[in-house]
N, C-alpha and C. Protein backbone atom coordinates (compact mmCIF):
# COMPACT_ATOMS: atom_id res chain seq x y z
N ASP A 1 -127.91 12.76 -214.72
CA ASP A 1 -127.23 13.47 -213.66
C ASP A 1 -126.47 12.49 -212.77
N LEU A 2 -125.46 12.98 -212.11
CA LEU A 2 -124.55 12.13 -211.36
C LEU A 2 -125.25 11.44 -210.18
N ALA A 3 -126.09 12.15 -209.48
CA ALA A 3 -126.77 11.56 -208.32
C ALA A 3 -127.62 10.36 -208.74
N SER A 4 -128.32 10.48 -209.86
CA SER A 4 -129.13 9.36 -210.35
C SER A 4 -128.26 8.18 -210.76
N ALA A 5 -127.17 8.47 -211.45
CA ALA A 5 -126.27 7.39 -211.88
C ALA A 5 -125.68 6.68 -210.65
N GLU A 6 -125.29 7.45 -209.65
CA GLU A 6 -124.74 6.85 -208.43
C GLU A 6 -125.79 6.02 -207.71
N TYR A 7 -127.02 6.50 -207.69
CA TYR A 7 -128.12 5.77 -207.05
C TYR A 7 -128.29 4.40 -207.70
N TRP A 8 -128.34 4.36 -209.04
CA TRP A 8 -128.55 3.10 -209.74
C TRP A 8 -127.36 2.17 -209.57
N TYR A 9 -126.18 2.73 -209.51
CA TYR A 9 -125.00 1.90 -209.28
C TYR A 9 -125.09 1.24 -207.91
N GLU A 10 -125.39 2.03 -206.90
CA GLU A 10 -125.49 1.50 -205.54
C GLU A 10 -126.63 0.49 -205.42
N LEU A 11 -127.73 0.75 -206.11
CA LEU A 11 -128.86 -0.19 -206.09
C LEU A 11 -128.45 -1.52 -206.71
N ALA A 12 -127.74 -1.47 -207.81
CA ALA A 12 -127.27 -2.71 -208.46
C ALA A 12 -126.35 -3.47 -207.51
N ALA A 13 -125.56 -2.75 -206.74
CA ALA A 13 -124.66 -3.40 -205.78
C ALA A 13 -125.45 -4.14 -204.70
N THR A 14 -126.59 -3.58 -204.29
CA THR A 14 -127.39 -4.27 -203.28
C THR A 14 -128.01 -5.55 -203.83
N TRP A 15 -128.14 -5.62 -205.13
CA TRP A 15 -128.65 -6.84 -205.77
C TRP A 15 -127.52 -7.82 -206.03
N ARG A 16 -126.35 -7.47 -205.56
CA ARG A 16 -125.14 -8.26 -205.75
C ARG A 16 -124.77 -8.40 -207.23
N ALA A 17 -125.16 -7.38 -208.00
CA ALA A 17 -124.78 -7.34 -209.41
C ALA A 17 -123.34 -6.83 -209.48
N PRO A 18 -122.45 -7.59 -210.06
CA PRO A 18 -121.06 -7.14 -210.11
C PRO A 18 -120.92 -5.90 -210.99
N PRO A 19 -120.08 -4.97 -210.58
CA PRO A 19 -119.90 -3.78 -211.41
C PRO A 19 -119.24 -4.16 -212.73
N THR A 20 -119.62 -3.47 -213.75
CA THR A 20 -118.99 -3.68 -215.05
C THR A 20 -118.11 -2.47 -215.34
N PRO A 21 -117.10 -2.65 -216.17
CA PRO A 21 -116.28 -1.48 -216.52
C PRO A 21 -117.13 -0.36 -217.12
N ARG A 22 -118.09 -0.73 -217.92
CA ARG A 22 -118.94 0.29 -218.57
C ARG A 22 -119.68 1.14 -217.52
N MET A 23 -120.19 0.49 -216.47
CA MET A 23 -120.89 1.23 -215.42
C MET A 23 -119.97 2.26 -214.77
N LEU A 24 -118.79 1.82 -214.42
CA LEU A 24 -117.87 2.70 -213.71
C LEU A 24 -117.30 3.78 -214.63
N VAL A 25 -117.01 3.43 -215.86
CA VAL A 25 -116.54 4.44 -216.82
C VAL A 25 -117.63 5.49 -217.02
N SER A 26 -118.88 5.05 -217.07
CA SER A 26 -119.98 5.99 -217.22
C SER A 26 -120.03 6.98 -216.06
N LEU A 27 -119.82 6.49 -214.85
CA LEU A 27 -119.83 7.38 -213.69
C LEU A 27 -118.67 8.37 -213.73
N VAL A 28 -117.50 7.92 -214.13
CA VAL A 28 -116.37 8.83 -214.28
C VAL A 28 -116.68 9.86 -215.37
N SER A 29 -117.26 9.42 -216.46
CA SER A 29 -117.59 10.32 -217.57
C SER A 29 -118.62 11.38 -217.17
N VAL A 30 -119.65 10.96 -216.45
CA VAL A 30 -120.67 11.92 -216.01
C VAL A 30 -120.04 12.96 -215.09
N ALA A 31 -119.25 12.52 -214.14
CA ALA A 31 -118.59 13.45 -213.23
C ALA A 31 -117.67 14.41 -214.00
N SER A 32 -117.01 13.90 -215.01
CA SER A 32 -116.12 14.74 -215.82
C SER A 32 -116.91 15.78 -216.61
N ARG A 33 -118.02 15.34 -217.21
CA ARG A 33 -118.84 16.30 -217.96
C ARG A 33 -119.40 17.38 -217.05
N LEU A 34 -119.64 17.04 -215.80
CA LEU A 34 -120.14 18.02 -214.83
C LEU A 34 -119.02 18.86 -214.22
N ARG A 35 -117.78 18.61 -214.67
CA ARG A 35 -116.60 19.32 -214.17
C ARG A 35 -116.44 19.15 -212.67
N ASP A 36 -116.62 17.92 -212.24
CA ASP A 36 -116.51 17.59 -210.81
C ASP A 36 -115.31 16.66 -210.62
N PRO A 37 -114.10 17.24 -210.44
CA PRO A 37 -112.92 16.39 -210.33
C PRO A 37 -112.92 15.48 -209.11
N ILE A 38 -113.54 15.91 -208.03
CA ILE A 38 -113.57 15.08 -206.82
C ILE A 38 -114.38 13.81 -207.08
N ALA A 39 -115.57 13.96 -207.67
CA ALA A 39 -116.39 12.79 -207.97
C ALA A 39 -115.72 11.91 -209.03
N ALA A 40 -115.13 12.52 -210.04
CA ALA A 40 -114.47 11.73 -211.09
C ALA A 40 -113.34 10.89 -210.50
N GLU A 41 -112.54 11.50 -209.65
CA GLU A 41 -111.43 10.75 -209.04
C GLU A 41 -111.95 9.70 -208.06
N ARG A 42 -113.04 9.99 -207.37
CA ARG A 42 -113.62 9.01 -206.45
C ARG A 42 -114.07 7.77 -207.21
N TRP A 43 -114.73 7.97 -208.34
CA TRP A 43 -115.19 6.82 -209.12
C TRP A 43 -114.03 6.12 -209.81
N PHE A 44 -113.02 6.87 -210.22
CA PHE A 44 -111.82 6.21 -210.77
C PHE A 44 -111.18 5.33 -209.70
N ASP A 45 -111.04 5.86 -208.49
CA ASP A 45 -110.44 5.07 -207.41
C ASP A 45 -111.25 3.82 -207.13
N ARG A 46 -112.55 3.96 -207.21
CA ARG A 46 -113.41 2.80 -206.99
C ARG A 46 -113.20 1.76 -208.08
N LEU A 47 -113.10 2.23 -209.31
CA LEU A 47 -112.84 1.32 -210.43
C LEU A 47 -111.48 0.67 -210.29
N ALA A 48 -110.47 1.46 -209.95
CA ALA A 48 -109.11 0.93 -209.80
C ALA A 48 -109.04 -0.08 -208.65
N GLY A 49 -109.94 0.03 -207.69
CA GLY A 49 -109.94 -0.87 -206.55
C GLY A 49 -110.64 -2.20 -206.80
N THR A 50 -111.18 -2.37 -208.00
CA THR A 50 -111.85 -3.63 -208.34
C THR A 50 -110.86 -4.52 -209.07
N ASN A 51 -111.30 -5.70 -209.41
CA ASN A 51 -110.44 -6.58 -210.20
C ASN A 51 -110.71 -6.42 -211.69
N LEU A 52 -111.43 -5.35 -212.05
CA LEU A 52 -111.71 -5.10 -213.46
C LEU A 52 -110.46 -4.56 -214.15
N GLU A 53 -110.29 -4.94 -215.38
CA GLU A 53 -109.13 -4.48 -216.14
C GLU A 53 -109.32 -3.02 -216.56
N LEU A 54 -108.35 -2.20 -216.24
CA LEU A 54 -108.41 -0.80 -216.67
C LEU A 54 -107.94 -0.70 -218.11
N THR A 55 -108.61 0.13 -218.87
CA THR A 55 -108.22 0.37 -220.26
C THR A 55 -107.92 1.86 -220.43
N ILE A 56 -107.34 2.21 -221.54
CA ILE A 56 -107.00 3.61 -221.80
C ILE A 56 -108.26 4.47 -221.83
N GLU A 57 -109.40 3.88 -222.19
CA GLU A 57 -110.65 4.65 -222.29
C GLU A 57 -111.08 5.26 -220.96
N ILE A 58 -110.75 4.62 -219.86
CA ILE A 58 -111.14 5.17 -218.55
C ILE A 58 -110.39 6.47 -218.26
N PHE A 59 -109.22 6.63 -218.85
CA PHE A 59 -108.42 7.81 -218.57
C PHE A 59 -108.83 9.01 -219.42
N ASP A 60 -109.49 8.77 -220.54
CA ASP A 60 -109.88 9.87 -221.42
C ASP A 60 -110.76 10.90 -220.71
N PRO A 61 -111.84 10.51 -220.02
CA PRO A 61 -112.65 11.55 -219.37
C PRO A 61 -111.89 12.29 -218.28
N LEU A 62 -110.95 11.63 -217.62
CA LEU A 62 -110.16 12.30 -216.59
C LEU A 62 -109.23 13.34 -217.21
N ILE A 63 -108.63 12.98 -218.34
CA ILE A 63 -107.76 13.93 -219.05
C ILE A 63 -108.60 15.07 -219.61
N GLN A 64 -109.76 14.74 -220.19
CA GLN A 64 -110.66 15.77 -220.72
C GLN A 64 -111.08 16.76 -219.64
N LEU A 65 -111.38 16.24 -218.47
CA LEU A 65 -111.78 17.10 -217.35
C LEU A 65 -110.66 18.07 -217.01
N ALA A 66 -109.45 17.57 -216.91
CA ALA A 66 -108.31 18.45 -216.60
C ALA A 66 -108.15 19.51 -217.69
N VAL A 67 -108.29 19.11 -218.95
CA VAL A 67 -108.19 20.07 -220.05
C VAL A 67 -109.26 21.13 -219.92
N ASN A 68 -110.49 20.70 -219.69
CA ASN A 68 -111.61 21.65 -219.59
C ASN A 68 -111.48 22.60 -218.40
N LEU A 69 -110.78 22.16 -217.36
CA LEU A 69 -110.55 23.02 -216.20
C LEU A 69 -109.29 23.86 -216.36
N GLY A 70 -108.60 23.72 -217.51
CA GLY A 70 -107.38 24.47 -217.75
C GLY A 70 -106.20 23.97 -216.93
N ASN A 71 -106.22 22.70 -216.60
CA ASN A 71 -105.20 22.10 -215.74
C ASN A 71 -104.32 21.16 -216.55
N SER A 72 -103.33 21.72 -217.25
CA SER A 72 -102.49 20.89 -218.12
C SER A 72 -101.65 19.92 -217.30
N SER A 73 -101.24 20.31 -216.09
CA SER A 73 -100.46 19.38 -215.26
C SER A 73 -101.35 18.22 -214.80
N GLY A 74 -102.63 18.47 -214.58
CA GLY A 74 -103.56 17.41 -214.23
C GLY A 74 -103.74 16.44 -215.39
N ALA A 75 -103.81 16.97 -216.61
CA ALA A 75 -103.93 16.10 -217.79
C ALA A 75 -102.69 15.22 -217.91
N GLU A 76 -101.52 15.81 -217.69
CA GLU A 76 -100.28 15.04 -217.76
C GLU A 76 -100.20 14.00 -216.64
N HIS A 77 -100.74 14.35 -215.47
CA HIS A 77 -100.77 13.38 -214.35
C HIS A 77 -101.54 12.13 -214.76
N TRP A 78 -102.72 12.31 -215.35
CA TRP A 78 -103.52 11.15 -215.72
C TRP A 78 -102.88 10.37 -216.86
N TYR A 79 -102.18 11.08 -217.76
CA TYR A 79 -101.43 10.38 -218.81
C TYR A 79 -100.34 9.50 -218.19
N ARG A 80 -99.58 10.07 -217.26
CA ARG A 80 -98.51 9.29 -216.61
C ARG A 80 -99.10 8.10 -215.84
N GLU A 81 -100.22 8.30 -215.17
CA GLU A 81 -100.88 7.21 -214.45
C GLU A 81 -101.24 6.08 -215.42
N ALA A 82 -101.79 6.45 -216.57
CA ALA A 82 -102.21 5.44 -217.54
C ALA A 82 -101.01 4.73 -218.16
N VAL A 83 -100.04 5.48 -218.61
CA VAL A 83 -98.95 4.91 -219.40
C VAL A 83 -97.85 4.31 -218.52
N TYR A 84 -97.38 5.08 -217.56
CA TYR A 84 -96.22 4.63 -216.78
C TYR A 84 -96.61 3.77 -215.58
N THR A 85 -97.70 4.09 -214.92
CA THR A 85 -98.11 3.31 -213.76
C THR A 85 -98.88 2.06 -214.17
N ARG A 86 -99.79 2.20 -215.14
CA ARG A 86 -100.67 1.09 -215.53
C ARG A 86 -100.19 0.34 -216.76
N GLY A 87 -99.20 0.89 -217.47
CA GLY A 87 -98.66 0.21 -218.65
C GLY A 87 -99.58 0.19 -219.85
N LEU A 88 -100.47 1.17 -219.95
CA LEU A 88 -101.42 1.22 -221.06
C LEU A 88 -100.82 1.98 -222.24
N THR A 89 -101.33 1.72 -223.41
CA THR A 89 -100.88 2.40 -224.63
C THR A 89 -101.86 3.52 -224.96
N PRO A 90 -101.38 4.75 -225.02
CA PRO A 90 -102.29 5.86 -225.33
C PRO A 90 -102.75 5.81 -226.79
N ASP A 91 -103.95 6.30 -227.01
CA ASP A 91 -104.46 6.38 -228.37
C ASP A 91 -104.41 7.84 -228.84
N LEU A 92 -104.80 8.06 -230.07
CA LEU A 92 -104.74 9.39 -230.65
C LEU A 92 -105.61 10.39 -229.90
N LYS A 93 -106.73 9.92 -229.38
CA LYS A 93 -107.63 10.80 -228.63
C LYS A 93 -106.92 11.36 -227.39
N ILE A 94 -106.14 10.54 -226.73
CA ILE A 94 -105.40 10.98 -225.54
C ILE A 94 -104.39 12.05 -225.95
N PHE A 95 -103.64 11.79 -227.03
CA PHE A 95 -102.64 12.77 -227.47
C PHE A 95 -103.29 14.08 -227.91
N ASN A 96 -104.43 14.00 -228.58
CA ASN A 96 -105.14 15.22 -228.97
C ASN A 96 -105.52 16.04 -227.74
N SER A 97 -105.98 15.36 -226.70
CA SER A 97 -106.34 16.05 -225.47
C SER A 97 -105.12 16.72 -224.83
N LEU A 98 -103.99 16.01 -224.83
CA LEU A 98 -102.77 16.57 -224.25
C LEU A 98 -102.27 17.77 -225.05
N MET A 99 -102.38 17.70 -226.38
CA MET A 99 -102.00 18.85 -227.21
C MET A 99 -102.93 20.03 -226.93
N ARG A 100 -104.21 19.73 -226.77
CA ARG A 100 -105.17 20.79 -226.47
C ARG A 100 -104.89 21.44 -225.11
N ALA A 101 -104.51 20.60 -224.13
CA ALA A 101 -104.18 21.13 -222.80
C ALA A 101 -102.99 22.06 -222.87
N ALA A 102 -101.95 21.63 -223.58
CA ALA A 102 -100.76 22.48 -223.71
C ALA A 102 -101.10 23.76 -224.48
N GLY A 103 -101.90 23.62 -225.51
CA GLY A 103 -102.30 24.80 -226.29
C GLY A 103 -103.09 25.79 -225.46
N LYS A 104 -104.02 25.30 -224.65
CA LYS A 104 -104.80 26.19 -223.79
C LYS A 104 -103.91 26.91 -222.78
N ALA A 105 -102.83 26.24 -222.38
CA ALA A 105 -101.90 26.85 -221.42
C ALA A 105 -100.90 27.78 -222.12
N GLY A 106 -100.99 27.89 -223.45
CA GLY A 106 -100.06 28.72 -224.19
C GLY A 106 -98.67 28.12 -224.30
N ASP A 107 -98.60 26.81 -224.19
CA ASP A 107 -97.33 26.10 -224.17
C ASP A 107 -97.06 25.48 -225.55
N ALA A 108 -96.44 26.25 -226.44
CA ALA A 108 -96.17 25.77 -227.79
C ALA A 108 -95.19 24.60 -227.77
N VAL A 109 -94.20 24.66 -226.89
CA VAL A 109 -93.23 23.57 -226.79
C VAL A 109 -93.93 22.29 -226.35
N GLY A 110 -94.83 22.40 -225.36
CA GLY A 110 -95.58 21.24 -224.89
C GLY A 110 -96.48 20.67 -225.97
N THR A 111 -97.13 21.56 -226.72
CA THR A 111 -97.99 21.11 -227.81
C THR A 111 -97.19 20.33 -228.83
N GLU A 112 -96.02 20.86 -229.20
CA GLU A 112 -95.16 20.17 -230.16
C GLU A 112 -94.67 18.83 -229.60
N HIS A 113 -94.34 18.81 -228.30
CA HIS A 113 -93.90 17.56 -227.66
C HIS A 113 -94.96 16.48 -227.80
N TRP A 114 -96.22 16.81 -227.48
CA TRP A 114 -97.28 15.81 -227.54
C TRP A 114 -97.57 15.41 -228.98
N TYR A 115 -97.41 16.34 -229.92
CA TYR A 115 -97.57 15.98 -231.33
C TYR A 115 -96.52 14.95 -231.74
N LYS A 116 -95.27 15.20 -231.36
CA LYS A 116 -94.18 14.27 -231.71
C LYS A 116 -94.38 12.91 -231.04
N GLU A 117 -94.90 12.91 -229.81
CA GLU A 117 -95.19 11.64 -229.12
C GLU A 117 -96.26 10.85 -229.88
N ALA A 118 -97.22 11.57 -230.43
CA ALA A 118 -98.34 10.92 -231.11
C ALA A 118 -97.92 10.29 -232.44
N VAL A 119 -96.97 10.91 -233.12
CA VAL A 119 -96.57 10.38 -234.43
C VAL A 119 -95.36 9.57 -234.28
């Protein structure tokens, strides 16, 4: 659960244990699985505020969360943040999520767009 994960993260910080990308990605992932966009974005912001290198994997749970909430524009926002703002290269998993978001929104043109981007 998110409260327990946050507790252990904060406890590690009191021991002056530096955060690892895996720790922070895990917190974003837990918040995403719980469909808590506020917590997911809070932990993403915390991760982005460190000197840790962001990878495309950190964006997957954020995009998945937007898809699961039926928020295709939110999924596209996180894609743009990853690709255009951070300069990351999307993987097939990201494109599958974007196609799923467009499909859930009934956007056949958007689904085709993301398919063409992927190939």
